[in-house]
Protein backbone atom coordinates (compact mmCIF):
# COMPACT_ATOMS: atom_id res chain seq x y z
CA MET A 1 171.47 -188.06 -158.85
CA MET A 2 173.45 -190.32 -161.15
CA ASN A 3 176.21 -188.19 -162.56
CA GLY A 4 174.07 -186.97 -165.39
CA LEU A 5 172.48 -190.32 -166.10
CA ALA A 6 170.36 -189.86 -169.22
CA VAL A 7 168.60 -193.19 -169.30
CA ARG A 8 165.15 -191.90 -170.15
CA LEU A 9 164.34 -190.34 -173.46
CA SER A 10 164.42 -186.57 -172.98
CA LEU A 11 161.10 -186.07 -174.69
CA LEU A 12 159.25 -188.25 -172.20
CA ALA A 13 157.66 -187.28 -168.91
CA LEU A 14 160.19 -187.71 -166.09
CA LEU A 15 157.71 -187.90 -163.25
CA ALA A 16 158.90 -191.11 -161.60
CA SER A 17 157.13 -191.79 -158.31
CA ALA A 18 157.45 -194.59 -155.75
CA GLN A 19 155.12 -197.38 -156.74
CA LEU A 20 154.47 -201.07 -156.59
CA ILE A 21 154.39 -202.31 -160.18
CA ALA A 22 151.05 -204.06 -159.93
CA CYS A 23 150.86 -205.14 -163.60
CA SER A 24 147.62 -203.27 -164.08
CA SER A 25 147.34 -199.73 -165.34
CA ASP A 26 143.93 -199.53 -163.61
CA GLU A 27 145.26 -200.06 -160.11
CA ASP A 28 146.37 -197.31 -157.81
CA ALA A 29 150.09 -197.18 -157.16
CA THR A 30 151.22 -198.22 -153.70
CA GLN A 31 153.37 -195.53 -152.15
CA ASP A 32 156.61 -196.05 -150.28
CA PRO A 33 156.68 -194.85 -146.69
CA PRO A 34 158.27 -191.41 -146.26
CA GLY A 35 162.01 -191.23 -145.74
CA ASN A 36 163.48 -190.91 -142.28
CA GLY A 37 166.12 -188.32 -143.08
CA SER A 38 169.65 -188.69 -144.40
CA LEU A 39 172.63 -190.21 -142.64
CA ILE A 40 174.64 -187.44 -144.25
CA ASP A 41 173.08 -185.05 -141.76
CA ASP A 42 174.43 -187.12 -138.88
CA ARG A 43 177.57 -188.72 -140.19
CA PRO A 44 178.87 -191.61 -138.10
CA ALA A 45 182.23 -190.76 -136.53
CA LEU A 46 185.23 -193.03 -136.75
CA PRO A 47 186.72 -193.88 -133.35
CA VAL A 48 189.71 -192.00 -131.92
CA PRO A 49 192.38 -194.46 -130.75
CA ASP A 50 193.54 -194.04 -127.18
CA VAL A 51 197.22 -193.53 -127.92
CA GLN A 52 197.84 -191.56 -124.74
CA PRO A 53 195.22 -190.47 -122.24
CA GLY A 54 193.54 -187.38 -123.64
CA ASP A 55 195.61 -187.35 -126.86
CA GLY A 56 194.05 -188.07 -130.26
CA VAL A 57 196.01 -189.10 -133.36
CA TYR A 58 193.28 -188.91 -136.01
CA SER A 59 189.59 -188.27 -136.43
CA GLY A 60 187.27 -189.12 -139.25
CA VAL A 61 183.75 -189.03 -140.63
CA TRP A 62 182.08 -190.78 -143.55
CA GLU A 63 179.07 -190.33 -145.81
CA PRO A 64 177.12 -193.22 -147.33
CA GLY A 65 176.86 -193.53 -151.10
CA LEU A 66 173.62 -194.39 -152.87
CA LEU A 67 174.34 -198.10 -152.49
CA LEU A 68 173.45 -197.67 -148.81
CA ASP A 69 169.98 -196.22 -148.44
CA ASP A 70 169.09 -193.74 -145.71
CA ASP A 71 167.58 -196.46 -143.51
CA ASP A 72 170.91 -198.34 -143.51
CA THR A 73 169.76 -200.85 -146.12
CA LEU A 74 172.23 -202.01 -148.75
CA LEU A 75 170.61 -202.09 -152.23
CA SER A 76 172.36 -205.20 -153.45
CA TRP A 77 171.13 -205.11 -157.07
CA LEU A 78 173.27 -201.97 -157.41
CA ALA A 79 176.41 -203.52 -155.89
CA PHE A 80 178.02 -204.09 -159.31
CA VAL A 81 177.30 -200.78 -161.03
CA ASP A 82 180.37 -199.45 -162.86
CA LEU A 83 181.76 -196.84 -160.47
CA ALA A 84 183.94 -195.40 -163.23
CA VAL A 85 180.73 -194.01 -164.73
CA ALA A 86 178.10 -194.01 -161.98
CA ASP A 87 180.27 -193.11 -158.99
CA ASP A 88 177.32 -192.04 -156.82
CA PHE A 89 176.58 -195.72 -156.25
CA ALA A 90 179.51 -196.32 -153.93
CA LEU A 91 179.06 -197.83 -150.50
CA ILE A 92 180.94 -194.92 -148.94
CA ASP A 93 180.79 -191.65 -150.86
CA ASN A 94 183.35 -189.74 -148.81
CA LEU A 95 185.68 -190.86 -146.06
CA GLU A 96 187.35 -187.86 -144.44
CA LEU A 97 190.38 -188.38 -142.19
CA THR A 98 192.22 -185.70 -140.22
CA ASN A 99 195.68 -185.90 -138.64
CA GLU A 100 195.16 -184.38 -135.19
CA THR A 101 198.90 -184.22 -134.42
CA ASP A 102 201.75 -181.86 -135.27
CA ALA A 103 203.74 -184.63 -136.95
CA PRO A 104 203.22 -186.71 -140.11
CA ILE A 105 201.37 -190.00 -139.67
CA SER A 106 200.62 -193.01 -141.86
CA LEU A 107 197.31 -194.82 -141.53
CA THR A 108 196.07 -198.12 -142.90
CA VAL A 109 192.33 -198.12 -143.49
CA THR A 110 190.27 -201.21 -144.35
CA LEU A 111 186.58 -201.65 -145.04
CA ARG A 112 184.40 -204.69 -145.66
CA VAL A 113 180.83 -205.88 -145.33
CA VAL A 114 181.45 -208.83 -143.06
CA GLY A 115 180.62 -212.10 -144.82
CA TYR A 116 179.46 -210.41 -148.03
CA SER A 117 182.50 -208.69 -149.54
CA GLU A 118 186.24 -208.75 -149.91
CA THR A 119 188.29 -206.28 -147.85
CA TRP A 120 189.05 -202.89 -149.36
CA SER A 121 192.36 -201.46 -148.08
CA ARG A 122 194.22 -198.18 -148.47
CA GLN A 123 197.46 -196.71 -147.07
CA ILE A 124 197.13 -192.99 -146.28
CA SER A 125 199.93 -190.57 -145.44
CA LEU A 126 198.93 -187.34 -143.70
CA ALA A 127 201.09 -184.33 -143.01
CA ALA A 128 200.78 -182.56 -139.68
CA ASN A 129 197.17 -181.41 -139.13
CA GLU A 130 196.25 -182.42 -142.69
CA THR A 131 192.77 -183.57 -143.75
CA THR A 132 192.23 -185.83 -146.73
CA THR A 133 189.11 -187.29 -148.35
CA ILE A 134 188.77 -190.66 -150.08
CA ASP A 135 185.91 -190.80 -152.58
CA THR A 136 183.75 -193.68 -153.79
CA ILE A 137 184.71 -196.66 -151.66
CA ARG A 138 183.09 -199.97 -152.54
CA PRO A 139 184.58 -203.36 -151.72
CA ASN A 140 184.15 -206.22 -154.17
CA PHE A 141 180.96 -208.04 -153.23
CA ALA A 142 180.56 -211.82 -153.30
CA ILE A 143 177.95 -212.45 -155.98
CA ASP A 144 177.50 -216.07 -154.93
CA ARG A 145 176.65 -215.02 -151.37
CA LEU A 146 174.21 -212.35 -152.56
CA GLN A 147 172.54 -214.72 -155.03
CA ALA A 148 172.02 -217.27 -152.26
CA MET A 149 169.98 -214.79 -150.20
CA THR A 150 166.22 -215.36 -150.06
CA SER A 151 165.33 -212.72 -147.50
CA THR A 152 166.67 -209.51 -146.01
CA ALA A 153 169.76 -210.18 -143.90
CA ASP A 154 171.48 -208.35 -141.06
CA ALA A 155 175.10 -207.45 -141.75
CA THR A 156 177.91 -205.20 -140.56
CA ILE A 157 180.10 -202.63 -142.26
CA GLU A 158 183.49 -202.88 -140.56
CA PHE A 159 186.16 -200.18 -140.69
CA THR A 160 189.62 -200.69 -139.27
CA VAL A 161 192.12 -197.88 -138.86
CA SER A 162 195.69 -198.38 -137.71
CA ASP A 163 198.71 -196.10 -137.33
CA GLY A 164 201.00 -199.12 -137.31
CA THR A 165 201.98 -198.86 -133.66
CA ARG A 166 199.25 -201.07 -132.19
CA ALA A 167 196.34 -203.28 -133.10
CA PRO A 168 193.87 -201.68 -135.53
CA ASN A 169 190.99 -199.74 -134.07
CA VAL A 170 187.70 -201.25 -135.24
CA TYR A 171 184.46 -199.42 -136.04
CA GLN A 172 181.31 -201.36 -136.88
CA HIS A 173 178.05 -200.10 -138.38
CA ALA A 174 174.94 -202.31 -138.48
CA ILE A 175 173.06 -202.54 -141.80
CA GLN A 176 170.57 -204.75 -143.60
CA ILE A 177 171.06 -206.21 -147.07
CA LEU A 178 168.24 -206.72 -149.55
CA PRO A 179 168.37 -209.83 -151.76
CA LEU A 180 169.34 -209.18 -155.39
CA ASN A 181 165.77 -209.53 -156.58
CA ARG A 182 164.17 -207.20 -154.02
CA VAL A 183 164.06 -203.77 -155.62
CA ARG A 184 163.11 -200.36 -154.33
CA TRP A 185 161.51 -197.98 -156.80
CA THR A 186 162.65 -194.94 -154.82
CA SER A 187 165.29 -194.40 -152.18
CA GLU A 188 164.28 -193.40 -148.67
CA SER A 189 165.16 -189.80 -149.56
CA GLY A 190 162.85 -189.88 -152.58
CA GLU A 191 165.38 -190.40 -155.38
CA PRO A 192 163.86 -192.45 -158.24
CA LEU A 193 165.55 -195.82 -158.72
CA ASP A 194 163.24 -197.36 -161.33
CA ASP A 195 165.76 -196.97 -164.14
CA THR A 196 168.32 -199.02 -162.19
CA ILE A 197 166.17 -202.14 -162.70
CA VAL A 198 168.19 -202.81 -165.86
CA THR A 199 170.90 -204.46 -163.73
CA LEU A 200 168.50 -207.44 -163.46
CA ILE A 201 168.39 -207.77 -167.27
CA THR A 202 171.09 -210.40 -167.74
CA PRO A 203 171.62 -211.28 -171.42
CA ASP A 204 174.39 -213.77 -170.62
CA GLU A 205 172.02 -216.05 -168.70
CA PRO A 206 172.87 -219.52 -170.12
CA GLY A 207 169.21 -220.53 -170.44
CA LEU A 208 168.66 -217.85 -173.07
CA ASP A 209 170.80 -219.75 -175.58
CA THR A 210 168.22 -222.53 -175.57
CA VAL A 211 165.36 -220.03 -175.91
CA LEU A 212 167.00 -218.47 -178.96
CA ARG A 213 167.63 -221.86 -180.57
CA GLU A 214 163.95 -222.61 -180.10
CA ALA A 215 163.01 -219.16 -181.42
CA ALA A 216 164.99 -219.78 -184.61
CA GLU A 217 162.50 -222.50 -185.49
CA PHE A 218 159.81 -219.83 -185.77
CA THR A 219 161.73 -217.81 -188.41
CA THR A 220 161.71 -218.24 -192.17
CA GLY A 221 165.43 -218.93 -192.35
CA ARG A 222 165.51 -220.88 -189.07
CA ALA A 223 168.17 -218.47 -187.78
CA ILE A 224 168.46 -215.64 -185.27
CA VAL A 225 169.95 -212.72 -187.22
CA GLY A 226 168.83 -209.65 -185.23
CA TYR A 227 168.94 -206.54 -187.40
CA GLN A 228 170.92 -208.24 -190.16
CA GLY A 229 167.82 -209.00 -192.19
CA GLY A 230 167.69 -205.32 -193.08
CA THR A 231 163.89 -204.98 -193.37
CA TRP A 232 161.01 -204.28 -191.02
CA GLU A 233 159.52 -207.67 -191.88
CA SER A 234 162.70 -209.49 -190.90
CA PHE A 235 163.04 -207.46 -187.69
CA ALA A 236 159.42 -208.09 -186.69
CA GLU A 237 159.76 -211.81 -187.38
CA GLN A 238 162.84 -212.00 -185.16
CA VAL A 239 161.08 -210.23 -182.30
CA GLU A 240 157.95 -212.35 -182.65
CA ALA A 241 159.97 -215.56 -182.75
CA VAL A 242 161.20 -215.09 -179.18
CA PHE A 243 157.68 -214.29 -177.99
CA ARG A 244 156.41 -217.49 -179.64
CA ALA A 245 159.26 -219.57 -178.22
CA LEU A 246 158.41 -218.46 -174.68
CA HIS A 247 154.74 -219.20 -175.33
CA ALA A 248 155.70 -222.69 -176.55
CA ARG A 249 157.54 -223.18 -173.25
CA ASP A 250 154.24 -222.55 -171.43
CA VAL A 251 155.48 -219.40 -169.72
CA ILE A 252 152.33 -218.21 -168.00
CA TYR A 253 151.28 -214.85 -166.60
CA SER A 254 151.45 -214.69 -162.82
CA SER A 255 149.81 -211.68 -161.21
CA VAL A 256 151.70 -212.27 -157.97
CA SER A 257 154.36 -209.58 -157.86
CA GLY A 258 156.02 -210.77 -154.69
CA SER A 259 156.22 -209.21 -151.25
CA PHE A 260 156.08 -205.48 -150.85
CA PHE A 261 157.41 -204.20 -147.57
CA ASP A 262 160.07 -201.75 -146.48
CA GLY A 263 159.43 -200.07 -149.84
CA ALA A 264 160.72 -203.09 -151.77
CA GLN A 265 159.24 -205.43 -154.36
CA ASN A 266 160.32 -208.95 -155.28
CA ILE A 267 161.17 -209.47 -158.95
CA ARG A 268 161.99 -212.76 -160.63
CA LEU A 269 165.46 -212.92 -162.14
CA VAL A 270 165.75 -214.19 -165.73
CA ARG A 271 166.79 -217.67 -164.66
CA GLU A 272 163.86 -217.84 -162.21
CA SER A 273 161.30 -216.88 -164.86
CA LEU A 274 162.73 -219.52 -167.19
CA ALA A 275 162.82 -222.19 -164.50
CA ASN A 276 159.39 -221.43 -163.04
CA ARG A 277 157.78 -220.69 -166.41
CA SER A 278 155.85 -217.82 -164.89
CA ALA A 279 156.21 -214.05 -164.98
CA ASN A 280 154.28 -210.92 -164.17
CA CYS A 281 154.59 -207.74 -166.21
CA MET A 282 157.99 -206.75 -164.77
CA ASP A 283 159.40 -210.28 -164.85
CA GLY A 284 158.27 -210.77 -168.45
CA SER A 285 159.67 -207.42 -169.53
CA ILE A 286 163.03 -208.26 -167.97
CA LEU A 287 163.01 -211.73 -169.55
CA LEU A 288 162.19 -210.52 -173.07
CA SER A 289 164.61 -207.59 -172.79
CA ALA A 290 167.43 -209.97 -171.83
CA ALA A 291 166.68 -212.22 -174.82
CA TYR A 292 166.57 -209.27 -177.24
CA GLU A 293 169.76 -207.78 -175.82
CA ARG A 294 171.37 -211.20 -176.32
CA MET A 295 170.31 -210.91 -179.98
CA GLU A 296 172.03 -207.48 -180.11
CA LEU A 297 168.70 -205.73 -180.58
CA ARG A 298 167.85 -202.51 -178.69
CA PRO A 299 165.14 -203.19 -176.09
CA PHE A 300 163.63 -200.68 -173.67
CA LEU A 301 161.17 -200.68 -170.77
CA VAL A 302 157.99 -198.60 -170.83
CA PHE A 303 156.63 -197.54 -167.44
CA VAL A 304 153.02 -196.42 -167.12
CA PRO A 305 151.18 -195.91 -163.80
CA GLY A 306 151.19 -199.23 -161.91
CA HIS A 307 152.42 -201.24 -164.88
CA VAL A 308 155.36 -201.89 -167.19
CA PHE A 309 155.81 -203.44 -170.62
CA MET A 310 158.67 -203.36 -173.10
CA GLY A 311 159.61 -202.63 -176.66
CA VAL A 312 162.36 -202.98 -179.24
CA CYS A 313 163.75 -200.31 -181.56
CA ASP A 314 163.53 -201.29 -185.22
CA SER A 315 167.04 -200.15 -186.08
CA SER A 316 170.54 -200.28 -184.70
CA ASP A 317 170.89 -196.51 -185.02
CA SER A 318 167.43 -195.00 -184.39
CA CYS A 319 164.15 -195.60 -182.61
CA GLU A 320 161.72 -193.67 -184.75
CA GLU A 321 159.81 -196.92 -185.19
CA ALA A 322 159.48 -199.68 -182.61
CA LEU A 323 157.56 -202.76 -181.63
CA LEU A 324 155.89 -202.50 -178.22
CA ILE A 325 154.94 -205.74 -176.45
CA GLU A 326 152.52 -206.36 -173.58
CA THR A 327 154.48 -209.13 -171.91
CA THR A 328 151.61 -210.38 -169.73
CA MET A 329 150.12 -211.83 -172.95
CA ILE A 330 152.93 -214.33 -173.62
CA SER A 331 150.75 -217.12 -172.23
CA GLY A 332 148.03 -216.36 -174.80
CA GLY A 333 150.51 -216.68 -177.65
CA ASP A 334 148.92 -213.93 -179.79
CA PHE A 335 151.83 -211.65 -180.67
CA ASP A 336 149.73 -209.22 -182.73
CA ALA A 337 147.32 -208.81 -179.82
CA ALA A 338 150.21 -208.20 -177.41
CA VAL A 339 151.58 -205.47 -179.70
CA GLU A 340 148.15 -203.88 -180.12
CA SER A 341 147.56 -203.88 -176.36
CA ALA A 342 150.85 -202.11 -175.71
CA TRP A 343 150.10 -199.45 -178.33
CA ASP A 344 146.62 -198.93 -176.88
CA GLN A 345 148.18 -198.16 -173.52
CA ILE A 346 150.41 -195.54 -175.12
CA ASP A 347 147.38 -193.91 -176.72
CA ASP A 348 145.05 -194.20 -173.73
CA THR A 349 147.39 -193.66 -170.79
CA CYS A 350 150.33 -191.61 -172.01
CA GLY A 351 148.50 -188.97 -173.98
CA GLY A 352 150.26 -189.27 -177.31
CA GLU A 353 151.70 -191.38 -180.08
CA TRP A 354 155.17 -192.84 -180.20
CA PRO A 355 157.56 -191.32 -179.52
CA ASP A 356 155.81 -188.07 -178.54
CA PHE A 357 154.36 -188.81 -175.12
CA ASP A 358 152.58 -186.02 -173.31
CA ALA A 359 155.25 -184.37 -171.15
CA SER A 360 152.84 -181.86 -169.58
CA GLY A 361 153.13 -183.48 -166.15
CA GLU A 362 149.65 -185.03 -166.16
CA GLN A 363 150.80 -188.55 -167.00
CA ASP A 364 153.52 -190.67 -165.46
CA CYS A 365 154.87 -192.47 -168.54
CA PHE A 366 158.53 -192.87 -169.33
CA VAL A 367 160.96 -195.10 -171.17
CA VAL A 368 164.18 -196.66 -169.91
CA MET A 369 166.48 -197.27 -172.87
CA LEU A 370 168.64 -200.27 -172.07
CA GLU A 371 171.65 -199.22 -174.14
CA ASP A 372 171.70 -195.78 -172.48
CA ALA A 373 171.58 -197.39 -169.05
CA ARG A 374 174.49 -199.67 -169.95
CA GLU A 375 176.55 -196.68 -171.11
CA ALA A 376 175.72 -194.97 -167.82
CA GLY A 377 177.30 -197.86 -165.87
CA PHE A 378 174.27 -200.02 -165.09
CA ARG A 379 175.70 -203.25 -166.37
CA PRO A 380 174.07 -206.67 -165.86
CA LEU A 381 174.53 -208.48 -162.58
CA PRO A 382 177.37 -211.00 -162.79
CA LEU A 383 176.26 -214.62 -162.96
CA VAL A 384 177.31 -217.53 -160.79
CA ARG A 385 178.15 -220.31 -163.26
């Protein structure tokens, strides 16, 4: 699906299924509605300009990329994935244009999501009867406009095609856009998207600087040093310090996971969790992961049926040992209990000890390694300063 994306540890079960993360491993997962088929099977046709009655100059068809789901919904939290690495996440995967004449032509093609992106433009020269394909089209999206969204919005993809002899011919395709914090766990065609959640982990969020300054007060040396302490004790103290700093801020557990409709779930962004001082299991895992990534540690997400928590590798070059943290226990302030709870879930739910989960297919447990996701192109969402 993702150009060989190897986000999950290979030794873990890769049985991702559509689910509402309910922050309780005891609850049944809520299933997405079935997909309605792929637009690729019925590709929208570009218009043929009426140059002369009955004479066509060009024809064209296009296929949506994974950024546009099969129900014509734009998955906005994926609008800034690095296409140089994860090129499946274009808005348009293939645009095919054919010169229908016996003479060379030159076309100017533009594309934009009206009101939400800049205009992408390309000059195309076609020999007589030639067909050419443009891969991976994605205009630059306006992060400020997307961040301002609070609900799903109607929008329009607009193509223009011109041969330079008359006004451009315009083709419009109606879509909907999800807000940045409304995430689908699977696409309409059944592709798992849970590992793409890492785009919401934003380590450059300005509010994290204050959290880390506060966390330093809970360390022996009153400093955030990441792995530089060189011992397990130093590493564990650094990890615990952030947990304690968030507890001191009165960050409470909120079981409300947000709306779930159209196969989407609301998730609090890092700045929202800090401002509201509340987080469910997913929000808390994203918040802690962002803080630890800011510290140049190596966090990861652990998905179990209906629930998620997080962990941190104990070394900059391996993950044979790790601290797992049940993030819904930040409000209680007991770090040791939060670690013990997370390990109990590994033992009870995932059928094995770290890192050897049961991969027999009976359990749906897997890990999303943040650094692997970054290398695969799933970089943090840009921030509006």
